[in-house]
Amino acid sequence: MCSVLLRRAGLLRRELLVLDTCLAAGVPVAGYVGGGYDKDLNVLAERHMLLHKAALQMWQEYGLQSGREALSC
């Protein structure tokens, strides 16, 4: 059996890479958090938060706007 150990920085880099690749290609993205289970709920919550942190960073870097902001133009 093979196991993979991904540290926090590696997980964040992976999320950023996937989101950046999709956004650059104009591919819609839907996020889903799952796996990464840990007995320590704080560790688990932080792991799942990485997707949201990466999404916020990409949102800001790409200058995206919410549907509400787009409609108010």
C-alpha atoms as a PDB file:
ATOM      1  CA  MET A   1       0.000   0.000   0.000  1.00  0.00           C
ATOM      2  CA  CYS A   2       1.277   3.447  -0.870  1.00  0.00           C
ATOM      3  CA  SER A   3       0.682   6.491   1.278  1.00  0.00           C
ATOM      4  CA  VAL A   4       1.291  10.108   0.391  1.00  0.00           C
ATOM      5  CA  LEU A   5       2.199  12.722   2.942  1.00  0.00           C
ATOM      6  CA  LEU A   6       1.290  16.226   1.863  1.00  0.00           C
ATOM      7  CA  ARG A   7       2.184  19.093   4.105  1.00  0.00           C
ATOM      8  CA  ARG A   8       0.120  22.244   4.425  1.00  0.00           C
ATOM      9  CA  ALA A   9       2.309  24.217   1.975  1.00  0.00           C
ATOM     10  CA  GLY A  10       2.088  21.410  -0.580  1.00  0.00           C
ATOM     11  CA  LEU A  11      -1.682  21.215  -0.277  1.00  0.00           C
ATOM     12  CA  LEU A  12      -2.015  24.959  -0.755  1.00  0.00           C
ATOM     13  CA  ARG A  13       0.311  24.874  -3.778  1.00  0.00           C
ATOM     14  CA  ARG A  14      -1.787  22.085  -5.298  1.00  0.00           C
ATOM     15  CA  GLU A  15      -5.033  24.021  -4.804  1.00  0.00           C
ATOM     16  CA  LEU A  16      -3.485  27.167  -6.315  1.00  0.00           C
ATOM     17  CA  LEU A  17      -2.107  25.243  -9.295  1.00  0.00           C
ATOM     18  CA  VAL A  18      -5.451  23.621 -10.089  1.00  0.00           C
ATOM     19  CA  LEU A  19      -7.433  26.839  -9.725  1.00  0.00           C
ATOM     20  CA  ASP A  20      -4.918  28.931 -11.662  1.00  0.00           C
ATOM     21  CA  THR A  21      -4.796  26.388 -14.492  1.00  0.00           C
ATOM     22  CA  CYS A  22      -8.586  26.257 -14.774  1.00  0.00           C
ATOM     23  CA  LEU A  23      -9.060  30.027 -14.580  1.00  0.00           C
ATOM     24  CA  ALA A  24      -6.328  30.688 -17.145  1.00  0.00           C
ATOM     25  CA  ALA A  25      -8.055  28.273 -19.539  1.00  0.00           C
ATOM     26  CA  GLY A  26     -11.523  29.712 -18.842  1.00  0.00           C
ATOM     27  CA  VAL A  27     -12.715  26.444 -17.315  1.00  0.00           C
ATOM     28  CA  PRO A  28     -15.427  26.778 -14.630  1.00  0.00           C
ATOM     29  CA  VAL A  29     -14.456  25.403 -11.234  1.00  0.00           C
ATOM     30  CA  ALA A  30     -16.492  23.835  -8.468  1.00  0.00           C
ATOM     31  CA  GLY A  31     -14.744  23.050  -5.202  1.00  0.00           C
ATOM     32  CA  TYR A  32     -15.406  20.123  -2.921  1.00  0.00           C
ATOM     33  CA  VAL A  33     -13.641  19.402   0.336  1.00  0.00           C
ATOM     34  CA  GLY A  34     -13.264  15.829   1.457  1.00  0.00           C
ATOM     35  CA  GLY A  35     -10.664  13.452   2.736  1.00  0.00           C
ATOM     36  CA  GLY A  36      -7.639  14.577   4.681  1.00  0.00           C
ATOM     37  CA  TYR A  37      -9.183  13.122   7.781  1.00  0.00           C
ATOM     38  CA  ASP A  38      -7.550  13.708  11.115  1.00  0.00           C
ATOM     39  CA  LYS A  39      -8.578  13.019  14.692  1.00  0.00           C
ATOM     40  CA  ASP A  40      -7.720  16.639  15.507  1.00  0.00           C
ATOM     41  CA  LEU A  41     -10.670  18.656  14.194  1.00  0.00           C
ATOM     42  CA  ASN A  42      -8.618  21.866  14.135  1.00  0.00           C
ATOM     43  CA  VAL A  43      -6.084  20.226  11.815  1.00  0.00           C
ATOM     44  CA  LEU A  44      -8.893  18.889   9.618  1.00  0.00           C
ATOM     45  CA  ALA A  45     -10.639  22.274   9.458  1.00  0.00           C
ATOM     46  CA  GLU A  46      -7.395  24.018   8.532  1.00  0.00           C
ATOM     47  CA  ARG A  47      -6.741  21.459   5.793  1.00  0.00           C
ATOM     48  CA  HIS A  48     -10.193  22.014   4.310  1.00  0.00           C
ATOM     49  CA  MET A  49      -9.790  25.796   4.648  1.00  0.00           C
ATOM     50  CA  LEU A  50      -6.864  25.700   2.222  1.00  0.00           C
ATOM     51  CA  LEU A  51      -9.204  25.358  -0.769  1.00  0.00           C
ATOM     52  CA  HIS A  52     -11.065  28.496   0.301  1.00  0.00           C
ATOM     53  CA  LYS A  53      -7.825  30.374   0.948  1.00  0.00           C
ATOM     54  CA  ALA A  54      -6.543  29.440  -2.522  1.00  0.00           C
ATOM     55  CA  ALA A  55      -9.871  30.391  -4.123  1.00  0.00           C
ATOM     56  CA  LEU A  56      -9.787  33.823  -2.456  1.00  0.00           C
ATOM     57  CA  GLN A  57      -6.219  34.391  -3.646  1.00  0.00           C
ATOM     58  CA  MET A  58      -7.131  33.461  -7.235  1.00  0.00           C
ATOM     59  CA  TRP A  59     -10.310  35.566  -7.037  1.00  0.00           C
ATOM     60  CA  GLN A  60      -8.215  38.585  -6.119  1.00  0.00           C
ATOM     61  CA  GLU A  61      -5.400  37.892  -8.602  1.00  0.00           C
ATOM     62  CA  TYR A  62      -7.830  37.450 -11.501  1.00  0.00           C
ATOM     63  CA  GLY A  63      -9.903  40.482 -10.476  1.00  0.00           C
ATOM     64  CA  LEU A  64     -13.095  38.437 -10.413  1.00  0.00           C
ATOM     65  CA  GLN A  65     -16.370  39.828  -9.161  1.00  0.00           C
ATOM     66  CA  SER A  66     -19.454  38.295  -7.677  1.00  0.00           C
ATOM     67  CA  GLY A  67     -22.658  37.945  -9.660  1.00  0.00           C
ATOM     68  CA  ARG A  68     -24.158  40.709  -7.577  1.00  0.00           C
ATOM     69  CA  GLU A  69     -21.309  43.105  -8.442  1.00  0.00           C
ATOM     70  CA  ALA A  70     -21.530  42.166 -12.133  1.00  0.00           C
ATOM     71  CA  LEU A  71     -25.247  42.931 -12.203  1.00  0.00           C
ATOM     72  CA  SER A  72     -24.848  46.384 -10.634  1.00  0.00           C
ATOM     73  CA  CYS A  73     -22.889  47.810 -13.603  1.00  0.00           C
END
